[in-house]
Amino acid sequence: MRYHNITKDDMLNGDGLRVVLWVAGCEHRCPECQNPITWDICGGVEFDGAAKNEIFTELSKSYVSGITFSGGDPLHTKNRDEVARLIDEIKDKYPDKTIWIYTGYEWDSVKDLPFMDKVDVLVDGKYKKDLRDVNLAWRGSTNQKVISVKNSLKLNEIVLHVK
């Protein structure tokens, strides 16, 4: 997996203060995407031990609520295995930290991924510039859903996460 940035003390990409991993690779290529530099799966730099330690240092802070995976698309088929391993490691070390994932894929196509039960919130769907709404919490267009993953898996229907 490759990545472009690790943002610290982020308040825009999920509940509370978060660390955000901006991964490389996105097949959706949404018009007017805010991060087109992250589309290339070969872009950015290799995710290595130093990057993982940087994330873990942030997650060890009591005021950090959790991690958000964004990009690019963390659920790009070439990112899924490494994202899954990192999620497993985070949940083992920091079981009380929340995990958010932003993806252009729809819920029905990713809900059965083996690591999804460890994810707290999934923001799904491609960004659509004609449905843009700057007043939405945690998403850019009205077609995107902010999904409470554990509740959705339990009830086998989409349950929205609310502020």
Protein backbone atom coordinates (compact mmCIF):
# COMPACT_ATOMS: atom_id res chain seq x y z
CA MET A 1 0.00 0.00 0.00
CA ARG A 2 1.11 3.52 -0.73
CA TYR A 3 -0.04 6.73 0.90
CA HIS A 4 0.17 10.49 0.46
CA ASN A 5 -0.19 11.92 3.94
CA ILE A 6 -0.95 11.34 7.59
CA THR A 7 -3.02 14.15 9.08
CA LYS A 8 -3.01 14.69 12.83
CA ASP A 9 -5.68 16.27 15.04
CA ASP A 10 -8.18 16.26 12.17
CA MET A 11 -11.72 17.39 13.03
CA LEU A 12 -13.33 17.14 9.58
CA ASN A 13 -13.15 13.44 8.74
CA GLY A 14 -15.14 11.83 11.54
CA ASP A 15 -16.15 12.23 15.17
CA GLY A 16 -13.68 13.93 17.51
CA LEU A 17 -10.00 14.53 16.86
CA ARG A 18 -8.60 11.90 14.53
CA VAL A 19 -5.55 10.76 12.68
CA VAL A 20 -6.21 10.36 8.94
CA LEU A 21 -4.31 8.08 6.57
CA TRP A 22 -4.63 9.31 2.98
CA VAL A 23 -3.97 6.22 0.84
CA ALA A 24 -3.04 6.13 -2.83
CA GLY A 25 -5.23 4.57 -5.48
CA CYS A 26 -8.75 5.30 -6.66
CA GLU A 27 -10.56 3.86 -9.65
CA HIS A 28 -13.64 6.09 -9.29
CA ARG A 29 -12.02 9.33 -10.51
CA CYS A 30 -14.99 11.47 -9.52
CA PRO A 31 -15.21 14.78 -11.42
CA GLU A 32 -14.08 17.66 -9.19
CA CYS A 33 -12.65 15.29 -6.58
CA GLN A 34 -10.81 17.19 -3.86
CA ASN A 35 -7.84 14.77 -3.98
CA PRO A 36 -7.11 13.77 -7.60
CA ILE A 37 -3.41 13.54 -6.75
CA THR A 38 -4.29 10.37 -4.80
CA TRP A 39 -5.84 8.49 -7.74
CA ASP A 40 -2.62 6.82 -8.94
CA ILE A 41 -2.13 3.50 -7.12
CA CYS A 42 1.62 3.96 -7.62
CA GLY A 43 1.63 7.52 -6.29
CA GLY A 44 2.74 8.76 -2.91
CA VAL A 45 5.21 6.75 -0.83
CA GLU A 46 5.30 3.19 0.46
CA PHE A 47 3.47 2.64 3.74
CA ASP A 48 6.23 1.39 6.03
CA GLY A 49 7.06 0.85 9.69
CA ALA A 50 7.79 4.53 10.25
CA ALA A 51 4.36 5.51 8.92
CA LYS A 52 2.70 2.85 11.08
CA ASN A 53 4.60 4.11 14.14
CA GLU A 54 3.50 7.66 13.37
CA ILE A 55 -0.14 6.51 13.35
CA PHE A 56 0.29 4.48 16.55
CA THR A 57 1.92 7.44 18.31
CA GLU A 58 -1.16 9.52 17.50
CA LEU A 59 -3.59 6.78 18.49
CA SER A 60 -1.86 6.40 21.86
CA LYS A 61 -2.94 9.95 22.77
CA SER A 62 -6.00 9.89 25.00
CA TYR A 63 -7.69 12.79 23.19
CA VAL A 64 -7.48 11.14 19.75
CA SER A 65 -10.80 9.41 19.00
CA GLY A 66 -9.53 7.11 16.27
CA ILE A 67 -8.33 6.76 12.72
CA THR A 68 -9.95 7.61 9.42
CA PHE A 69 -8.86 5.93 6.19
CA SER A 70 -9.36 8.19 3.19
CA GLY A 71 -7.57 8.88 -0.04
CA GLY A 72 -7.71 7.82 -2.83
CA ASP A 73 -9.80 4.87 -1.82
CA PRO A 74 -8.74 2.63 1.06
CA LEU A 75 -10.99 -0.08 -0.39
CA HIS A 76 -9.31 -0.07 -3.79
CA THR A 77 -8.78 -3.78 -4.49
CA LYS A 78 -4.99 -3.36 -4.23
CA ASN A 79 -5.30 -1.67 -0.79
CA ARG A 80 -7.74 -4.01 0.93
CA ASP A 81 -5.32 -6.62 2.30
CA GLU A 82 -2.96 -4.12 3.87
CA VAL A 83 -5.79 -1.94 5.17
CA ALA A 84 -7.29 -5.09 6.75
CA ARG A 85 -3.99 -5.97 8.45
CA LEU A 86 -3.59 -2.42 9.75
CA ILE A 87 -7.17 -2.37 11.06
CA ASP A 88 -6.55 -5.67 12.87
CA GLU A 89 -3.41 -4.30 14.46
CA ILE A 90 -5.11 -1.05 15.48
CA LYS A 91 -8.06 -2.87 17.05
CA ASP A 92 -5.66 -5.16 18.96
CA LYS A 93 -3.58 -2.26 20.32
CA TYR A 94 -6.29 0.38 20.65
CA PRO A 95 -9.65 -1.41 21.03
CA ASP A 96 -11.48 1.76 22.12
CA LYS A 97 -10.42 3.87 19.12
CA THR A 98 -12.94 4.19 16.31
CA ILE A 99 -12.25 3.37 12.69
CA TRP A 100 -13.82 5.33 9.84
CA ILE A 101 -13.40 4.56 6.13
CA TYR A 102 -14.23 6.78 3.17
CA THR A 103 -14.85 4.86 -0.04
CA GLY A 104 -16.39 5.43 -3.43
CA TYR A 105 -17.81 1.91 -3.34
CA GLU A 106 -21.43 1.38 -2.30
CA TRP A 107 -22.26 -0.39 0.97
CA ASP A 108 -23.67 -3.51 -0.70
CA SER A 109 -20.43 -4.17 -2.56
CA VAL A 110 -18.15 -3.91 0.53
CA LYS A 111 -20.27 -4.92 3.54
CA ASP A 112 -19.09 -8.53 3.36
CA LEU A 113 -15.38 -7.76 3.44
CA PRO A 114 -13.89 -9.83 6.27
CA PHE A 115 -12.63 -6.82 8.25
CA MET A 116 -15.80 -4.74 7.99
CA ASP A 117 -16.99 -5.85 11.45
CA LYS A 118 -14.05 -3.92 12.94
CA VAL A 119 -15.04 -0.67 11.18
CA ASP A 120 -17.26 1.76 13.08
CA VAL A 121 -18.35 4.12 10.30
CA LEU A 122 -18.23 3.84 6.51
CA VAL A 123 -18.87 6.84 4.28
CA ASP A 124 -19.85 5.26 0.98
CA GLY A 125 -20.50 6.33 -2.57
CA LYS A 126 -18.79 8.37 -5.23
CA TYR A 127 -18.65 12.13 -4.87
CA LYS A 128 -21.13 13.66 -7.33
CA LYS A 129 -20.56 17.32 -8.04
CA ASP A 130 -24.20 17.87 -9.10
CA LEU A 131 -25.31 16.62 -5.65
CA ARG A 132 -22.73 18.67 -3.72
CA ASP A 133 -23.92 20.16 -0.43
CA VAL A 134 -21.44 22.04 1.77
CA ASN A 135 -23.80 21.78 4.76
CA LEU A 136 -23.52 17.99 5.04
CA ALA A 137 -21.56 16.48 7.91
CA TRP A 138 -18.66 14.22 6.86
CA ARG A 139 -19.61 13.91 3.20
CA GLY A 140 -19.54 16.00 0.08
CA SER A 141 -22.66 15.01 -1.85
CA THR A 142 -26.17 13.93 -0.90
CA ASN A 143 -25.86 10.46 -2.47
CA GLN A 144 -23.14 9.50 0.00
CA LYS A 145 -24.18 7.78 3.22
CA VAL A 146 -22.52 7.91 6.66
CA ILE A 147 -23.16 4.35 7.80
CA SER A 148 -23.00 2.90 11.31
CA VAL A 149 -21.30 -0.34 10.28
CA LYS A 150 -21.83 -2.50 13.36
CA ASN A 151 -25.55 -1.62 13.57
CA SER A 152 -25.98 -2.13 9.84
CA LEU A 153 -24.33 -5.55 9.93
CA LYS A 154 -26.37 -6.59 12.97
CA LEU A 155 -29.72 -5.55 11.46
CA ASN A 156 -28.77 -6.45 7.87
CA GLU A 157 -29.93 -3.04 6.67
CA ILE A 158 -28.26 0.36 6.40
CA VAL A 159 -28.31 2.29 9.66
CA LEU A 160 -27.03 5.85 9.39
CA HIS A 161 -24.51 7.29 11.84
CA VAL A 162 -25.73 10.58 13.26
CA LYS A 163 -23.79 13.42 14.83
